[in-house]
């Protein structure tokens, strides 16, 4: 029996130069179709909250989502503001940014990673009401960050 809080890998996040161009390339090369595009934060979320490196943060991205073999692919195009996304593209260029895990106890899992020396890099309220995600700084350790999202009942 797996007791790891990381048993549900939900998403692979990729930093890209242009979400529409990359989505088209992935469709042509790998057959990944039915992309959903959105600007973040959406205009209908006036109470959206985010922090980066412990401070309130305002940033904008263009996103694209597609399901591929039971995983969600997220394409992230930085538009403006300072965030984990802008820092990634400035220092590393495009590439795999994060693995997202849905966890039962978001606060407990974040606390456990902090006890292991992993810092919280960025967090925000999620795409759906009642959701939140936290990006943990494992970039230097693993080559990508860990993103955690609370499970919605």
Protein backbone atom coordinates (compact mmCIF):
# COMPACT_ATOMS: atom_id res chain seq x y z
CA UNK A 1 0.00 0.00 0.00
CA UNK A 2 1.40 3.38 -1.04
CA UNK A 3 1.24 5.89 1.82
CA UNK A 4 3.13 8.62 -0.03
CA UNK A 5 1.23 11.89 -0.40
CA UNK A 6 2.72 11.98 -3.92
CA UNK A 7 0.75 9.03 -5.25
CA UNK A 8 -1.37 11.09 -7.68
CA UNK A 9 0.71 12.69 -10.42
CA UNK A 10 -1.75 14.97 -12.18
CA UNK A 11 0.15 17.32 -14.47
CA UNK A 12 3.41 18.10 -16.23
CA UNK A 13 4.00 21.83 -16.63
CA UNK A 14 6.18 23.14 -19.45
CA UNK A 15 7.51 26.66 -19.90
CA UNK A 16 7.27 27.62 -23.56
CA UNK A 17 7.84 30.68 -25.72
CA UNK A 18 4.34 30.60 -27.25
CA UNK A 19 1.49 28.35 -26.07
CA UNK A 20 -0.34 28.25 -29.40
CA UNK A 21 2.74 27.44 -31.46
CA UNK A 22 3.84 24.74 -29.02
CA UNK A 23 0.33 23.24 -28.84
CA UNK A 24 0.27 23.03 -32.63
CA UNK A 25 3.71 21.36 -32.67
CA UNK A 26 2.61 18.81 -30.05
CA UNK A 27 -0.54 18.13 -32.06
CA UNK A 28 1.47 17.59 -35.26
CA UNK A 29 4.29 15.58 -33.65
CA UNK A 30 2.47 13.57 -30.96
CA UNK A 31 -1.20 13.77 -31.88
CA UNK A 32 -2.13 15.71 -28.73
CA UNK A 33 -5.37 17.45 -29.62
CA UNK A 34 -8.18 19.35 -27.94
CA UNK A 35 -6.18 22.09 -26.26
CA UNK A 36 -7.92 24.52 -23.93
CA UNK A 37 -6.40 28.01 -23.89
CA UNK A 38 -6.80 30.65 -21.20
CA UNK A 39 -5.24 33.81 -19.89
CA UNK A 40 -4.26 33.79 -16.23
CA UNK A 41 -5.48 35.25 -14.04
CA UNK A 42 -8.94 35.30 -15.64
CA UNK A 43 -10.91 38.53 -15.47
CA UNK A 44 -13.73 36.79 -13.59
CA UNK A 45 -11.43 36.03 -10.60
CA UNK A 46 -11.02 39.46 -8.91
CA UNK A 47 -10.12 37.77 -5.59
CA UNK A 48 -7.23 35.79 -7.10
CA UNK A 49 -4.24 35.71 -4.77
CA UNK A 50 -0.63 34.81 -5.37
CA UNK A 51 2.70 34.99 -3.60
CA UNK A 52 6.23 34.57 -4.93
CA UNK A 53 9.20 34.15 -2.62
CA UNK A 54 7.07 35.19 0.36
CA UNK A 55 5.60 38.39 -1.11
CA UNK A 56 2.31 39.20 -2.82
CA UNK A 57 2.81 38.80 -6.55
CA UNK A 58 0.95 39.89 -9.64
CA UNK A 59 1.87 38.19 -12.88
CA UNK A 60 0.16 37.16 -16.10
CA UNK A 61 0.53 34.08 -18.24
CA UNK A 62 -1.06 32.44 -21.21
CA UNK A 63 -1.86 28.79 -20.56
CA UNK A 64 -2.82 25.78 -22.64
CA UNK A 65 -4.10 22.48 -21.23
CA UNK A 66 -4.56 19.08 -22.83
CA UNK A 67 -5.06 15.58 -21.48
CA UNK A 68 -2.50 13.03 -22.60
CA UNK A 69 -2.49 9.44 -21.34
CA UNK A 70 -4.27 10.34 -18.06
CA UNK A 71 -1.97 13.30 -17.42
CA UNK A 72 -2.69 16.94 -17.99
CA UNK A 73 -0.08 18.85 -19.97
CA UNK A 74 0.12 22.52 -19.07
CA UNK A 75 1.91 24.91 -21.37
CA UNK A 76 2.91 28.19 -19.69
CA UNK A 77 3.86 31.34 -21.58
CA UNK A 78 5.06 34.15 -19.33
CA UNK A 79 3.42 37.46 -20.25
CA UNK A 80 4.35 39.92 -17.49
CA UNK A 81 5.39 40.23 -13.88
CA UNK A 82 8.00 38.50 -11.77
CA UNK A 83 7.18 34.90 -10.90
CA UNK A 84 8.66 31.43 -10.89
CA UNK A 85 7.78 31.32 -14.58
CA UNK A 86 9.67 34.48 -15.53
CA UNK A 87 12.69 33.42 -13.47
CA UNK A 88 12.69 29.96 -15.08
CA UNK A 89 12.61 31.25 -18.64
CA UNK A 90 15.22 33.92 -17.87
CA UNK A 91 17.64 31.40 -16.35
CA UNK A 92 16.92 28.16 -18.20
CA UNK A 93 14.80 28.97 -21.24
CA UNK A 94 11.93 26.68 -22.09
CA UNK A 95 11.52 23.21 -20.65
CA UNK A 96 9.91 21.05 -17.98
CA UNK A 97 8.98 23.40 -15.16
CA UNK A 98 7.04 21.25 -12.70
CA UNK A 99 5.31 18.01 -11.83
CA UNK A 100 1.97 18.60 -10.12
CA UNK A 101 0.67 16.22 -7.48
CA UNK A 102 -2.85 16.33 -6.04
CA UNK A 103 -2.58 15.73 -2.31
CA UNK A 104 -5.09 15.04 0.45
CA UNK A 105 -3.42 17.37 2.97
CA UNK A 106 -1.86 20.34 1.20
CA UNK A 107 -0.70 22.17 4.32
CA UNK A 108 0.68 19.00 5.91
CA UNK A 109 2.55 17.99 2.76
CA UNK A 110 4.04 21.49 2.37
CA UNK A 111 5.08 21.43 6.04
CA UNK A 112 6.72 18.03 5.63
CA UNK A 113 8.72 19.22 2.61
CA UNK A 114 9.77 22.34 4.52
CA UNK A 115 10.99 20.11 7.37
CA UNK A 116 13.13 18.36 4.74
CA UNK A 117 14.68 21.70 3.72
CA UNK A 118 12.56 22.43 0.64
CA UNK A 119 11.41 26.06 0.44
CA UNK A 120 8.05 27.28 -0.80
CA UNK A 121 8.63 29.23 -4.00
CA UNK A 122 5.21 30.38 -5.16
CA UNK A 123 1.53 29.79 -4.38
CA UNK A 124 -1.85 30.95 -5.63
CA UNK A 125 -5.52 30.26 -5.56
CA UNK A 126 -6.35 27.77 -8.30
CA UNK A 127 -8.39 27.65 -11.48
CA UNK A 128 -11.44 26.29 -9.66
CA UNK A 129 -13.01 27.97 -6.61
CA UNK A 130 -11.72 26.42 -3.40
CA UNK A 131 -8.46 25.22 -4.91
CA UNK A 132 -4.96 26.33 -4.08
CA UNK A 133 -1.57 25.27 -5.34
CA UNK A 134 1.91 25.60 -3.91
CA UNK A 135 5.13 25.43 -5.90
CA UNK A 136 8.03 23.95 -3.93
CA UNK A 137 11.58 24.92 -4.86
CA UNK A 138 13.21 21.71 -6.04
CA UNK A 139 14.57 23.12 -9.29
CA UNK A 140 18.26 22.86 -8.34
CA UNK A 141 17.72 19.54 -6.55
CA UNK A 142 15.61 17.72 -9.17
CA UNK A 143 15.82 19.86 -12.30
CA UNK A 144 12.12 20.81 -11.98
CA UNK A 145 9.85 22.11 -9.23
CA UNK A 146 7.18 20.17 -7.36
CA UNK A 147 3.71 21.68 -7.48
CA UNK A 148 1.09 20.54 -5.00
CA UNK A 149 -2.66 21.10 -5.27
CA UNK A 150 -5.36 20.34 -2.77
CA UNK A 151 -7.84 17.62 -3.64
CA UNK A 152 -11.39 18.80 -4.31
CA UNK A 153 -14.09 16.60 -2.85
